[in-house]
N, C-alpha and C. Protein backbone atom coordinates (compact mmCIF):
# COMPACT_ATOMS: atom_id res chain seq x y z
N UNK A 1 92.90 183.13 169.67
CA UNK A 1 93.29 182.06 170.34
C UNK A 1 94.23 181.54 169.11
N UNK A 2 94.76 180.80 169.92
CA UNK A 2 95.75 180.57 168.88
C UNK A 2 96.49 178.49 169.38
N UNK A 3 96.32 177.65 168.10
CA UNK A 3 96.23 176.23 168.54
C UNK A 3 98.03 176.37 167.73
N UNK A 4 98.70 175.29 168.05
CA UNK A 4 100.46 175.28 167.66
C UNK A 4 99.96 173.75 167.68
N UNK A 5 101.29 173.38 166.10
CA UNK A 5 101.38 171.90 166.31
C UNK A 5 99.76 171.41 165.89
N UNK A 6 99.49 171.73 164.84
CA UNK A 6 97.61 170.52 163.79
C UNK A 6 98.80 170.11 163.00
N UNK A 7 97.75 168.94 162.78
CA UNK A 7 97.71 167.43 162.21
C UNK A 7 96.93 167.68 161.72
N UNK A 8 96.56 168.59 159.96
CA UNK A 8 96.36 168.10 159.51
C UNK A 8 94.75 166.92 158.72
N UNK A 9 94.47 166.99 159.02
CA UNK A 9 93.27 164.77 158.03
C UNK A 9 92.84 165.29 156.78
N UNK A 10 93.14 164.13 156.22
CA UNK A 10 92.19 164.81 154.86
C UNK A 10 90.45 164.98 154.50
N UNK A 11 89.72 165.25 155.92
CA UNK A 11 88.83 164.62 155.71
C UNK A 11 88.56 166.31 156.60
N UNK A 12 89.56 166.28 156.77
CA UNK A 12 88.84 168.14 157.59
C UNK A 12 89.32 169.73 156.33
N UNK A 13 90.10 168.95 155.31
CA UNK A 13 91.35 169.22 155.33
C UNK A 13 90.13 170.51 153.98
N UNK A 14 90.21 171.65 153.57
CA UNK A 14 88.99 172.44 153.03
C UNK A 14 87.87 172.22 153.60
N UNK A 15 87.36 171.88 154.37
CA UNK A 15 86.28 172.11 155.31
C UNK A 15 85.32 173.63 154.63
N UNK A 16 84.53 173.78 154.65
CA UNK A 16 83.34 175.26 154.38
C UNK A 16 82.51 174.63 155.94
N UNK A 17 82.35 176.26 157.06
CA UNK A 17 81.10 176.44 157.19
C UNK A 17 80.74 174.48 157.48
N UNK A 18 81.46 173.49 157.94
CA UNK A 18 80.73 172.75 158.41
C UNK A 18 80.75 172.34 160.71
N UNK A 19 80.33 171.85 161.13
CA UNK A 19 79.70 171.57 162.28
C UNK A 19 80.06 170.30 163.57
N UNK A 20 81.28 170.08 164.32
CA UNK A 20 81.64 169.70 165.49
C UNK A 20 81.45 170.29 166.65
N UNK A 21 80.27 168.34 166.96
CA UNK A 21 79.26 169.12 168.15
C UNK A 21 80.92 168.65 169.77
N UNK A 22 79.97 169.25 170.20
CA UNK A 22 80.89 169.63 171.17
C UNK A 22 80.23 168.72 173.17
N UNK A 23 80.76 167.99 173.94
CA UNK A 23 80.40 167.55 175.03
C UNK A 23 81.84 168.82 176.35
N UNK A 24 80.94 169.16 177.51
CA UNK A 24 82.29 169.86 178.32
C UNK A 24 81.76 168.91 179.89
N UNK A 25 82.36 169.26 180.88
CA UNK A 25 81.72 169.64 181.98
C UNK A 25 82.10 170.94 182.98
N UNK A 26 81.53 171.44 183.53
CA UNK A 26 81.81 172.86 184.34
C UNK A 26 80.27 172.49 185.10
N UNK A 27 81.81 172.12 186.39
CA UNK A 27 80.60 172.09 187.91
C UNK A 27 79.70 171.53 188.10
N UNK A 28 80.62 169.84 187.80
CA UNK A 28 79.69 169.12 187.84
C UNK A 28 78.67 169.00 187.29
N UNK A 29 78.21 169.73 185.51
CA UNK A 29 76.75 170.06 184.80
C UNK A 29 77.66 169.42 183.93
N UNK A 30 76.51 168.81 182.83
CA UNK A 30 77.93 168.27 181.29
C UNK A 30 76.35 168.82 180.95
N UNK A 31 77.93 169.80 179.71
CA UNK A 31 76.39 170.87 178.90
C UNK A 31 77.26 170.34 177.09
N UNK A 32 76.05 170.01 175.99
CA UNK A 32 76.21 169.87 174.50
C UNK A 32 76.17 171.03 174.25
N UNK A 33 77.24 170.95 172.88
CA UNK A 33 76.92 172.08 172.08
C UNK A 33 77.32 171.63 171.01
N UNK A 34 77.74 172.81 169.80
CA UNK A 34 77.62 172.72 168.29
C UNK A 34 78.73 173.95 168.61
N UNK A 35 80.07 173.44 167.42
CA UNK A 35 81.00 174.76 167.18
C UNK A 35 80.99 174.83 164.82
N UNK A 36 81.29 175.53 165.31
CA UNK A 36 80.92 176.01 163.24
C UNK A 36 82.65 176.63 163.02
N UNK A 37 82.63 175.58 161.91
CA UNK A 37 83.98 175.37 161.20
C UNK A 37 84.31 176.02 159.99
N UNK A 38 85.48 176.68 159.19
CA UNK A 38 86.19 176.32 157.55
C UNK A 38 87.43 175.93 158.27
N UNK A 39 88.05 175.48 157.67
CA UNK A 39 89.29 175.24 157.28
C UNK A 39 90.11 175.46 156.40
N UNK A 40 90.85 175.83 156.18
CA UNK A 40 91.48 176.39 155.06
C UNK A 40 93.60 176.11 155.72
N UNK A 41 94.16 174.88 154.22
CA UNK A 41 94.97 174.30 155.03
C UNK A 41 95.89 174.61 154.49
N UNK A 42 96.09 175.63 152.96
CA UNK A 42 96.75 176.35 152.98
C UNK A 42 97.75 177.52 153.65
N UNK A 43 96.83 178.22 154.80
CA UNK A 43 96.82 178.66 155.65
C UNK A 43 96.56 178.36 157.09
N UNK A 44 96.76 177.35 157.18
CA UNK A 44 97.02 176.21 158.03
C UNK A 44 96.52 177.31 159.11
N UNK A 45 94.93 177.58 158.72
CA UNK A 45 93.62 177.85 159.54
C UNK A 45 92.27 177.37 160.48
N UNK A 46 92.10 177.87 161.31
CA UNK A 46 90.96 177.20 161.27
C UNK A 46 89.66 178.40 162.14
N UNK A 47 88.86 178.62 161.16
CA UNK A 47 88.12 179.76 161.04
C UNK A 47 86.47 179.64 162.05
N UNK A 48 86.70 179.27 163.52
CA UNK A 48 85.34 179.59 163.73
C UNK A 48 84.21 180.36 163.60
N UNK A 49 83.31 180.12 163.34
CA UNK A 49 82.54 181.23 162.24
C UNK A 49 81.63 181.41 164.39
N UNK A 50 80.75 180.58 165.29
CA UNK A 50 79.87 180.99 165.70
C UNK A 50 79.82 179.29 166.56
N UNK A 51 79.38 179.16 167.34
CA UNK A 51 79.13 178.58 168.63
C UNK A 51 78.26 178.26 169.27
N UNK A 52 77.54 177.75 170.12
CA UNK A 52 76.17 177.31 170.68
C UNK A 52 76.26 176.08 171.64
N UNK A 53 75.08 176.47 172.79
CA UNK A 53 75.76 174.89 173.55
C UNK A 53 73.74 175.51 174.19
N UNK A 54 73.41 173.91 175.03
CA UNK A 54 72.73 174.22 175.44
C UNK A 54 72.63 173.94 176.65
N UNK A 55 71.81 174.96 178.18
CA UNK A 55 72.30 175.60 179.50
C UNK A 55 71.50 174.67 180.19
N UNK A 56 70.41 173.59 179.71
CA UNK A 56 69.70 172.89 180.51
C UNK A 56 70.22 171.40 180.13
N UNK A 57 70.63 170.62 181.21
CA UNK A 57 70.61 168.99 181.00
C UNK A 57 69.59 168.15 180.18
N UNK A 58 70.85 167.70 179.59
CA UNK A 58 69.59 166.35 178.36
C UNK A 58 69.24 165.22 179.40
N UNK A 59 68.51 164.72 179.00
CA UNK A 59 68.07 163.09 180.21
C UNK A 59 68.21 161.47 178.83
N UNK A 60 68.91 160.72 178.04
CA UNK A 60 69.00 160.57 177.06
C UNK A 60 67.53 159.62 177.68
N UNK A 61 66.37 159.86 176.07
CA UNK A 61 65.81 158.48 175.55
C UNK A 61 64.42 160.15 176.12
N UNK A 62 64.36 161.18 176.60
CA UNK A 62 63.97 161.89 177.50
C UNK A 62 62.65 163.24 175.78
N UNK A 63 60.91 163.01 175.86
CA UNK A 63 61.33 163.50 174.92
C UNK A 63 60.50 164.94 174.57
N UNK A 64 60.84 165.13 176.12
CA UNK A 64 61.34 167.39 175.73
C UNK A 64 61.72 167.19 176.88
N UNK A 65 62.11 169.21 177.09
CA UNK A 65 63.02 169.17 177.49
C UNK A 65 62.36 170.28 178.77
N UNK A 66 62.61 170.47 180.25
CA UNK A 66 62.41 170.87 180.94
C UNK A 66 63.07 172.69 181.09
């Protein structure tokens, strides 16, 4: 995957193994997950180490997953 025209922000410069929370919709279902990344400003590169998401829909305030 290539991303062009990236603007670096100071808070992300030199970040190593940090997590970004994500939310996305597929076929009317909302999923939540995370992506673990490192940022190399000198190389203008973002490395995605791994990622995961839950296939179980969650309800705000729920105390257990079904």
